[in-house]
């Protein structure tokens, strides 16, 4: 299990999402904390660390800290 970490800027973006989109993102992030490589796609070159969650109305850029078992959420972009 990976721990989810993010800063206040990302938290503000997440809080501003429509409720159904925020809930969907929460569900996918919970899955990513259990299976980060299976729940995400590569971001650029597949180095196993920079990854993306891609949903219908939102995508998120994450960094996987495999040694610390931490999933760092760096960016959320709302497409709706």
PDB file of N, CA and C in Angstrom:
ATOM      1  N   UNK A   1       0.836  -1.179   0.000  1.00  0.00           N
ATOM      2  CA  UNK A   1       0.000   0.000   0.000  1.00  0.00           C
ATOM      3  C   UNK A   1       0.885   1.248   0.000  1.00  0.00           C
ATOM      4  N   UNK A   2       0.580   2.179  -0.884  1.00  0.00           N
ATOM      5  CA  UNK A   2       1.297   3.453  -0.968  1.00  0.00           C
ATOM      6  C   UNK A   2       0.496   4.530  -0.235  1.00  0.00           C
ATOM      7  N   UNK A   3       1.191   5.434   0.421  1.00  0.00           N
ATOM      8  CA  UNK A   3       0.546   6.568   1.079  1.00  0.00           C
ATOM      9  C   UNK A   3       0.377   7.689   0.054  1.00  0.00           C
ATOM     10  N   UNK A   4      -0.753   8.373   0.089  1.00  0.00           N
ATOM     11  CA  UNK A   4      -1.027   9.478  -0.821  1.00  0.00           C
ATOM     12  C   UNK A   4      -0.586  10.792  -0.196  1.00  0.00           C
ATOM     13  N   UNK A   5       0.181  11.577  -0.952  1.00  0.00           N
ATOM     14  CA  UNK A   5       0.648  12.881  -0.477  1.00  0.00           C
ATOM     15  C   UNK A   5       0.382  13.927  -1.550  1.00  0.00           C
ATOM     16  N   UNK A   6      -0.005  15.129  -1.117  1.00  0.00           N
ATOM     17  CA  UNK A   6      -0.204  16.244  -2.038  1.00  0.00           C
ATOM     18  C   UNK A   6      -0.160  17.545  -1.247  1.00  0.00           C
ATOM     19  N   UNK A   7       0.099  18.650  -1.958  1.00  0.00           N
ATOM     20  CA  UNK A   7       0.220  19.943  -1.290  1.00  0.00           C
ATOM     21  C   UNK A   7      -1.113  20.695  -1.287  1.00  0.00           C
ATOM     22  N   UNK A   8      -1.110  21.876  -0.698  1.00  0.00           N
ATOM     23  CA  UNK A   8      -2.346  22.641  -0.550  1.00  0.00           C
ATOM     24  C   UNK A   8      -2.897  23.141  -1.883  1.00  0.00           C
ATOM     25  N   UNK A   9      -2.034  23.392  -2.845  1.00  0.00           N
ATOM     26  CA  UNK A   9      -2.497  23.825  -4.167  1.00  0.00           C
ATOM     27  C   UNK A   9      -3.284  22.711  -4.848  1.00  0.00           C
ATOM     28  N   UNK A  10      -2.751  21.508  -4.810  1.00  0.00           N
ATOM     29  CA  UNK A  10      -3.449  20.362  -5.387  1.00  0.00           C
ATOM     30  C   UNK A  10      -4.751  20.110  -4.618  1.00  0.00           C
ATOM     31  N   UNK A  11      -4.716  20.244  -3.310  1.00  0.00           N
ATOM     32  CA  UNK A  11      -5.929  20.060  -2.502  1.00  0.00           C
ATOM     33  C   UNK A  11      -7.003  21.061  -2.908  1.00  0.00           C
ATOM     34  N   UNK A  12      -6.616  22.307  -3.177  1.00  0.00           N
ATOM     35  CA  UNK A  12      -7.586  23.328  -3.586  1.00  0.00           C
ATOM     36  C   UNK A  12      -8.213  22.990  -4.938  1.00  0.00           C
ATOM     37  N   UNK A  13      -7.412  22.499  -5.866  1.00  0.00           N
ATOM     38  CA  UNK A  13      -7.944  22.091  -7.173  1.00  0.00           C
ATOM     39  C   UNK A  13      -8.905  20.919  -6.989  1.00  0.00           C
ATOM     40  N   UNK A  14      -8.521  19.937  -6.208  1.00  0.00           N
ATOM     41  CA  UNK A  14      -9.359  18.769  -5.952  1.00  0.00           C
ATOM     42  C   UNK A  14     -10.683  19.202  -5.321  1.00  0.00           C
ATOM     43  N   UNK A  15     -10.620  20.104  -4.364  1.00  0.00           N
ATOM     44  CA  UNK A  15     -11.828  20.596  -3.694  1.00  0.00           C
ATOM     45  C   UNK A  15     -12.748  21.360  -4.638  1.00  0.00           C
ATOM     46  N   UNK A  16     -12.200  21.942  -5.688  1.00  0.00           N
ATOM     47  CA  UNK A  16     -13.003  22.728  -6.619  1.00  0.00           C
ATOM     48  C   UNK A  16     -13.676  21.882  -7.701  1.00  0.00           C
ATOM     49  N   UNK A  17     -13.343  20.605  -7.784  1.00  0.00           N
ATOM     50  CA  UNK A  17     -13.944  19.739  -8.793  1.00  0.00           C
ATOM     51  C   UNK A  17     -15.421  19.513  -8.490  1.00  0.00           C
ATOM     52  N   UNK A  18     -16.231  19.280  -9.534  1.00  0.00           N
ATOM     53  CA  UNK A  18     -17.617  18.884  -9.286  1.00  0.00           C
ATOM     54  C   UNK A  18     -17.639  17.609  -8.428  1.00  0.00           C
ATOM     55  N   UNK A  19     -18.630  17.463  -7.558  1.00  0.00           N
ATOM     56  CA  UNK A  19     -18.647  16.330  -6.623  1.00  0.00           C
ATOM     57  C   UNK A  19     -18.472  14.956  -7.275  1.00  0.00           C
ATOM     58  N   UNK A  20     -19.137  14.718  -8.407  1.00  0.00           N
ATOM     59  CA  UNK A  20     -19.039  13.392  -9.037  1.00  0.00           C
ATOM     60  C   UNK A  20     -17.639  13.143  -9.594  1.00  0.00           C
ATOM     61  N   UNK A  21     -16.987  14.180 -10.090  1.00  0.00           N
ATOM     62  CA  UNK A  21     -15.621  14.056 -10.618  1.00  0.00           C
ATOM     63  C   UNK A  21     -14.646  13.849  -9.460  1.00  0.00           C
ATOM     64  N   UNK A  22     -14.831  14.591  -8.386  1.00  0.00           N
ATOM     65  CA  UNK A  22     -13.982  14.444  -7.199  1.00  0.00           C
ATOM     66  C   UNK A  22     -14.086  13.033  -6.625  1.00  0.00           C
ATOM     67  N   UNK A  23     -15.297  12.512  -6.576  1.00  0.00           N
ATOM     68  CA  UNK A  23     -15.502  11.152  -6.059  1.00  0.00           C
ATOM     69  C   UNK A  23     -14.835  10.114  -6.951  1.00  0.00           C
ATOM     70  N   UNK A  24     -14.967  10.295  -8.250  1.00  0.00           N
ATOM     71  CA  UNK A  24     -14.319   9.370  -9.187  1.00  0.00           C
ATOM     72  C   UNK A  24     -12.800   9.411  -9.025  1.00  0.00           C
ATOM     73  N   UNK A  25     -12.240  10.616  -8.896  1.00  0.00           N
ATOM     74  CA  UNK A  25     -10.798  10.756  -8.693  1.00  0.00           C
ATOM     75  C   UNK A  25     -10.380  10.082  -7.384  1.00  0.00           C
ATOM     76  N   UNK A  26     -11.145  10.274  -6.336  1.00  0.00           N
ATOM     77  CA  UNK A  26     -10.845   9.643  -5.041  1.00  0.00           C
ATOM     78  C   UNK A  26     -10.805   8.126  -5.161  1.00  0.00           C
ATOM     79  N   UNK A  27     -11.790   7.566  -5.869  1.00  0.00           N
ATOM     80  CA  UNK A  27     -11.850   6.114  -6.039  1.00  0.00           C
ATOM     81  C   UNK A  27     -10.642   5.582  -6.797  1.00  0.00           C
ATOM     82  N   UNK A  28     -10.261   6.272  -7.886  1.00  0.00           N
ATOM     83  CA  UNK A  28      -9.133   5.814  -8.692  1.00  0.00           C
ATOM     84  C   UNK A  28      -7.814   5.988  -7.929  1.00  0.00           C
ATOM     85  N   UNK A  29      -7.705   7.067  -7.153  1.00  0.00           N
ATOM     86  CA  UNK A  29      -6.493   7.247  -6.340  1.00  0.00           C
ATOM     87  C   UNK A  29      -6.385   6.169  -5.266  1.00  0.00           C
ATOM     88  N   UNK A  30      -7.494   5.759  -4.694  1.00  0.00           N
ATOM     89  CA  UNK A  30      -7.473   4.672  -3.711  1.00  0.00           C
ATOM     90  C   UNK A  30      -6.972   3.390  -4.360  1.00  0.00           C
ATOM     91  N   UNK A  31      -7.425   3.125  -5.567  1.00  0.00           N
ATOM     92  CA  UNK A  31      -6.952   1.950  -6.305  1.00  0.00           C
ATOM     93  C   UNK A  31      -5.464   2.089  -6.610  1.00  0.00           C
ATOM     94  N   UNK A  32      -5.041   3.289  -7.001  1.00  0.00           N
ATOM     95  CA  UNK A  32      -3.626   3.524  -7.329  1.00  0.00           C
ATOM     96  C   UNK A  32      -2.731   3.340  -6.111  1.00  0.00           C
ATOM     97  N   UNK A  33      -3.230   3.632  -4.931  1.00  0.00           N
ATOM     98  CA  UNK A  33      -2.422   3.439  -3.723  1.00  0.00           C
ATOM     99  C   UNK A  33      -2.188   1.948  -3.452  1.00  0.00           C
ATOM    100  N   UNK A  34      -3.075   1.116  -3.949  1.00  0.00           N
ATOM    101  CA  UNK A  34      -2.930  -0.329  -3.796  1.00  0.00           C
ATOM    102  C   UNK A  34      -2.134  -0.938  -4.948  1.00  0.00           C
ATOM    103  N   UNK A  35      -2.393  -0.467  -6.160  1.00  0.00           N
ATOM    104  CA  UNK A  35      -1.740  -0.992  -7.365  1.00  0.00           C
ATOM    105  C   UNK A  35      -1.344   0.183  -8.267  1.00  0.00           C
ATOM    106  N   UNK A  36      -0.284   0.911  -7.911  1.00  0.00           N
ATOM    107  CA  UNK A  36       0.037   2.144  -8.634  1.00  0.00           C
ATOM    108  C   UNK A  36       0.378   1.959 -10.112  1.00  0.00           C
ATOM    109  N   UNK A  37       1.063   0.912 -10.468  1.00  0.00           N
ATOM    110  CA  UNK A  37       1.417   0.713 -11.870  1.00  0.00           C
ATOM    111  C   UNK A  37       0.232   0.204 -12.684  1.00  0.00           C
ATOM    112  N   UNK A  38      -0.628  -0.571 -12.060  1.00  0.00           N
ATOM    113  CA  UNK A  38      -1.800  -1.094 -12.755  1.00  0.00           C
ATOM    114  C   UNK A  38      -2.889  -0.061 -12.957  1.00  0.00           C
ATOM    115  N   UNK A  39      -2.991   0.916 -12.071  1.00  0.00           N
ATOM    116  CA  UNK A  39      -4.069   1.912 -12.125  1.00  0.00           C
ATOM    117  C   UNK A  39      -3.683   3.167 -12.891  1.00  0.00           C
ATOM    118  N   UNK A  40      -2.431   3.243 -13.331  1.00  0.00           N
ATOM    119  CA  UNK A  40      -1.943   4.457 -13.993  1.00  0.00           C
ATOM    120  C   UNK A  40      -1.328   4.126 -15.340  1.00  0.00           C
ATOM    121  N   UNK A  41      -1.044   5.174 -16.103  1.00  0.00           N
ATOM    122  CA  UNK A  41      -0.349   5.022 -17.385  1.00  0.00           C
ATOM    123  C   UNK A  41       0.923   5.861 -17.331  1.00  0.00           C
ATOM    124  N   UNK A  42       1.912   5.526 -18.143  1.00  0.00           N
ATOM    125  CA  UNK A  42       3.157   6.302 -18.140  1.00  0.00           C
ATOM    126  C   UNK A  42       2.920   7.766 -18.498  1.00  0.00           C
ATOM    127  N   UNK A  43       3.705   8.631 -17.917  1.00  0.00           N
ATOM    128  CA  UNK A  43       3.726  10.050 -18.248  1.00  0.00           C
ATOM    129  C   UNK A  43       5.032  10.285 -18.979  1.00  0.00           C
ATOM    130  N   UNK A  44       4.957  10.376 -20.297  1.00  0.00           N
ATOM    131  CA  UNK A  44       6.178  10.469 -21.101  1.00  0.00           C
ATOM    132  C   UNK A  44       6.838   9.105 -21.190  1.00  0.00           C
ATOM    133  N   UNK A  45       8.148   9.082 -21.012  1.00  0.00           N
ATOM    134  CA  UNK A  45       8.905   7.827 -21.047  1.00  0.00           C
ATOM    135  C   UNK A  45       8.518   6.980 -19.837  1.00  0.00           C
ATOM    136  N   UNK A  46       8.317   5.698 -20.043  1.00  0.00           N
ATOM    137  CA  UNK A  46       7.884   4.823 -18.948  1.00  0.00           C
ATOM    138  C   UNK A  46       9.056   4.467 -18.046  1.00  0.00           C
ATOM    139  N   UNK A  47       9.259   5.290 -17.021  1.00  0.00           N
ATOM    140  CA  UNK A  47      10.327   5.034 -16.060  1.00  0.00           C
ATOM    141  C   UNK A  47       9.791   4.384 -14.776  1.00  0.00           C
ATOM    142  N   UNK A  48       8.473   4.131 -14.730  1.00  0.00           N
ATOM    143  CA  UNK A  48       7.869   3.496 -13.565  1.00  0.00           C
ATOM    144  C   UNK A  48       7.666   4.440 -12.397  1.00  0.00           C
ATOM    145  N   UNK A  49       8.001   5.712 -12.577  1.00  0.00           N
ATOM    146  CA  UNK A  49       7.855   6.674 -11.476  1.00  0.00           C
ATOM    147  C   UNK A  49       6.896   7.810 -11.819  1.00  0.00           C
ATOM    148  N   UNK A  50       7.056   8.448 -12.967  1.00  0.00           N
ATOM    149  CA  UNK A  50       6.132   9.508 -13.376  1.00  0.00           C
ATOM    150  C   UNK A  50       4.969   8.849 -14.100  1.00  0.00           C
ATOM    151  N   UNK A  51       3.774   9.027 -13.553  1.00  0.00           N
ATOM    152  CA  UNK A  51       2.598   8.331 -14.071  1.00  0.00           C
ATOM    153  C   UNK A  51       1.416   9.288 -14.152  1.00  0.00           C
ATOM    154  N   UNK A  52       0.371   8.860 -14.840  1.00  0.00           N
ATOM    155  CA  UNK A  52      -0.855   9.647 -14.954  1.00  0.00           C
ATOM    156  C   UNK A  52      -2.061   8.780 -14.662  1.00  0.00           C
ATOM    157  N   UNK A  53      -3.053   9.411 -14.051  1.00  0.00           N
ATOM    158  CA  UNK A  53      -4.386   8.838 -13.941  1.00  0.00           C
ATOM    159  C   UNK A  53      -5.221   9.559 -14.985  1.00  0.00           C
ATOM    160  N   UNK A  54      -5.846   8.830 -15.866  1.00  0.00           N
ATOM    161  CA  UNK A  54      -6.611   9.433 -16.943  1.00  0.00           C
ATOM    162  C   UNK A  54      -8.062   8.999 -16.814  1.00  0.00           C
ATOM    163  N   UNK A  55      -8.937   9.979 -16.563  1.00  0.00           N
ATOM    164  CA  UNK A  55     -10.372   9.740 -16.449  1.00  0.00           C
ATOM    165  C   UNK A  55     -11.081  10.551 -17.530  1.00  0.00           C
ATOM    166  N   UNK A  56     -12.385  10.407 -17.644  1.00  0.00           N
ATOM    167  CA  UNK A  56     -13.124  11.124 -18.681  1.00  0.00           C
ATOM    168  C   UNK A  56     -12.994  12.643 -18.561  1.00  0.00           C
ATOM    169  N   UNK A  57     -13.090  13.182 -17.348  1.00  0.00           N
ATOM    170  CA  UNK A  57     -13.114  14.629 -17.174  1.00  0.00           C
ATOM    171  C   UNK A  57     -11.923  15.203 -16.418  1.00  0.00           C
ATOM    172  N   UNK A  58     -11.010  14.351 -16.035  1.00  0.00           N
ATOM    173  CA  UNK A  58      -9.879  14.827 -15.249  1.00  0.00           C
ATOM    174  C   UNK A  58      -8.679  13.911 -15.477  1.00  0.00           C
ATOM    175  N   UNK A  59      -7.498  14.499 -15.418  1.00  0.00           N
ATOM    176  CA  UNK A  59      -6.299  13.656 -15.353  1.00  0.00           C
ATOM    177  C   UNK A  59      -5.385  14.218 -14.280  1.00  0.00           C
ATOM    178  N   UNK A  60      -4.567  13.345 -13.753  1.00  0.00           N
ATOM    179  CA  UNK A  60      -3.683  13.718 -12.655  1.00  0.00           C
ATOM    180  C   UNK A  60      -2.294  13.174 -12.925  1.00  0.00           C
ATOM    181  N   UNK A  61      -1.291  13.958 -12.578  1.00  0.00           N
ATOM    182  CA  UNK A  61       0.111  13.554 -12.717  1.00  0.00           C
ATOM    183  C   UNK A  61       0.609  13.168 -11.329  1.00  0.00           C
ATOM    184  N   UNK A  62       1.212  11.995 -11.250  1.00  0.00           N
ATOM    185  CA  UNK A  62       1.707  11.505  -9.963  1.00  0.00           C
ATOM    186  C   UNK A  62       3.158  11.043 -10.102  1.00  0.00           C
ATOM    187  N   UNK A  63       3.841  11.042  -8.979  1.00  0.00           N
ATOM    188  CA  UNK A  63       5.195  10.507  -8.885  1.00  0.00           C
ATOM    189  C   UNK A  63       5.146   9.379  -7.866  1.00  0.00           C
ATOM    190  N   UNK A  64       5.660   8.234  -8.243  1.00  0.00           N
ATOM    191  CA  UNK A  64       5.685   7.079  -7.344  1.00  0.00           C
ATOM    192  C   UNK A  64       7.034   6.977  -6.652  1.00  0.00           C
ATOM    193  N   UNK A  65       7.016   7.094  -5.356  1.00  0.00           N
ATOM    194  CA  UNK A  65       8.219   6.881  -4.557  1.00  0.00           C
ATOM    195  C   UNK A  65       8.221   5.430  -4.098  1.00  0.00           C
ATOM    196  N   UNK A  66       8.831   4.569  -4.892  1.00  0.00           N
ATOM    197  CA  UNK A  66       8.776   3.133  -4.603  1.00  0.00           C
ATOM    198  C   UNK A  66       9.480   2.778  -3.294  1.00  0.00           C
ATOM    199  N   UNK A  67      10.586   3.408  -2.999  1.00  0.00           N
ATOM    200  CA  UNK A  67      11.298   3.093  -1.748  1.00  0.00           C
ATOM    201  C   UNK A  67      10.503   3.532  -0.523  1.00  0.00           C
ATOM    202  N   UNK A  68       9.881   4.699  -0.615  1.00  0.00           N
ATOM    203  CA  UNK A  68       9.110   5.215   0.522  1.00  0.00           C
ATOM    204  C   UNK A  68       7.654   4.778   0.476  1.00  0.00           C
ATOM    205  N   UNK A  69       7.276   4.097  -0.623  1.00  0.00           N
ATOM    206  CA  UNK A  69       5.894   3.636  -0.830  1.00  0.00           C
ATOM    207  C   UNK A  69       4.924   4.812  -0.707  1.00  0.00           C
ATOM    208  N   UNK A  70       5.261   5.876  -1.470  1.00  0.00           N
ATOM    209  CA  UNK A  70       4.467   7.091  -1.451  1.00  0.00           C
ATOM    210  C   UNK A  70       4.038   7.450  -2.864  1.00  0.00           C
ATOM    211  N   UNK A  71       2.780   7.824  -3.012  1.00  0.00           N
ATOM    212  CA  UNK A  71       2.239   8.307  -4.258  1.00  0.00           C
ATOM    213  C   UNK A  71       2.049   9.813  -4.093  1.00  0.00           C
ATOM    214  N   UNK A  72       2.856  10.601  -4.794  1.00  0.00           N
ATOM    215  CA  UNK A  72       2.805  12.060  -4.710  1.00  0.00           C
ATOM    216  C   UNK A  72       1.929  12.586  -5.848  1.00  0.00           C
ATOM    217  N   UNK A  73       0.841  13.209  -5.500  1.00  0.00           N
ATOM    218  CA  UNK A  73      -0.069  13.796  -6.480  1.00  0.00           C
ATOM    219  C   UNK A  73       0.412  15.220  -6.759  1.00  0.00           C
ATOM    220  N   UNK A  74       0.897  15.468  -7.989  1.00  0.00           N
ATOM    221  CA  UNK A  74       1.502  16.753  -8.331  1.00  0.00           C
ATOM    222  C   UNK A  74       0.582  17.705  -9.077  1.00  0.00           C
ATOM    223  N   UNK A  75      -0.344  17.173  -9.842  1.00  0.00           N
ATOM    224  CA  UNK A  75      -1.142  18.045 -10.700  1.00  0.00           C
ATOM    225  C   UNK A  75      -2.477  17.387 -10.982  1.00  0.00           C
ATOM    226  N   UNK A  76      -3.536  18.188 -10.966  1.00  0.00           N
ATOM    227  CA  UNK A  76      -4.863  17.747 -11.383  1.00  0.00           C
ATOM    228  C   UNK A  76      -5.347  18.733 -12.438  1.00  0.00           C
ATOM    229  N   UNK A  77      -5.776  18.209 -13.556  1.00  0.00           N
ATOM    230  CA  UNK A  77      -6.338  19.048 -14.620  1.00  0.00           C
ATOM    231  C   UNK A  77      -7.767  18.595 -14.902  1.00  0.00           C
ATOM    232  N   UNK A  78      -8.696  19.525 -14.737  1.00  0.00           N
ATOM    233  CA  UNK A  78     -10.113  19.265 -15.011  1.00  0.00           C
ATOM    234  C   UNK A  78     -10.408  19.612 -16.455  1.00  0.00           C
ATOM    235  N   UNK A  79     -10.991  18.691 -17.181  1.00  0.00           N
ATOM    236  CA  UNK A  79     -11.221  18.875 -18.599  1.00  0.00           C
ATOM    237  C   UNK A  79     -12.662  19.263 -18.936  1.00  0.00           C
ATOM    238  N   UNK A  80     -13.529  19.293 -17.918  1.00  0.00           N
ATOM    239  CA  UNK A  80     -14.956  19.545 -18.155  1.00  0.00           C
ATOM    240  C   UNK A  80     -15.278  20.919 -18.299  1.00  0.00           C
TER     241      UNK A  80
END
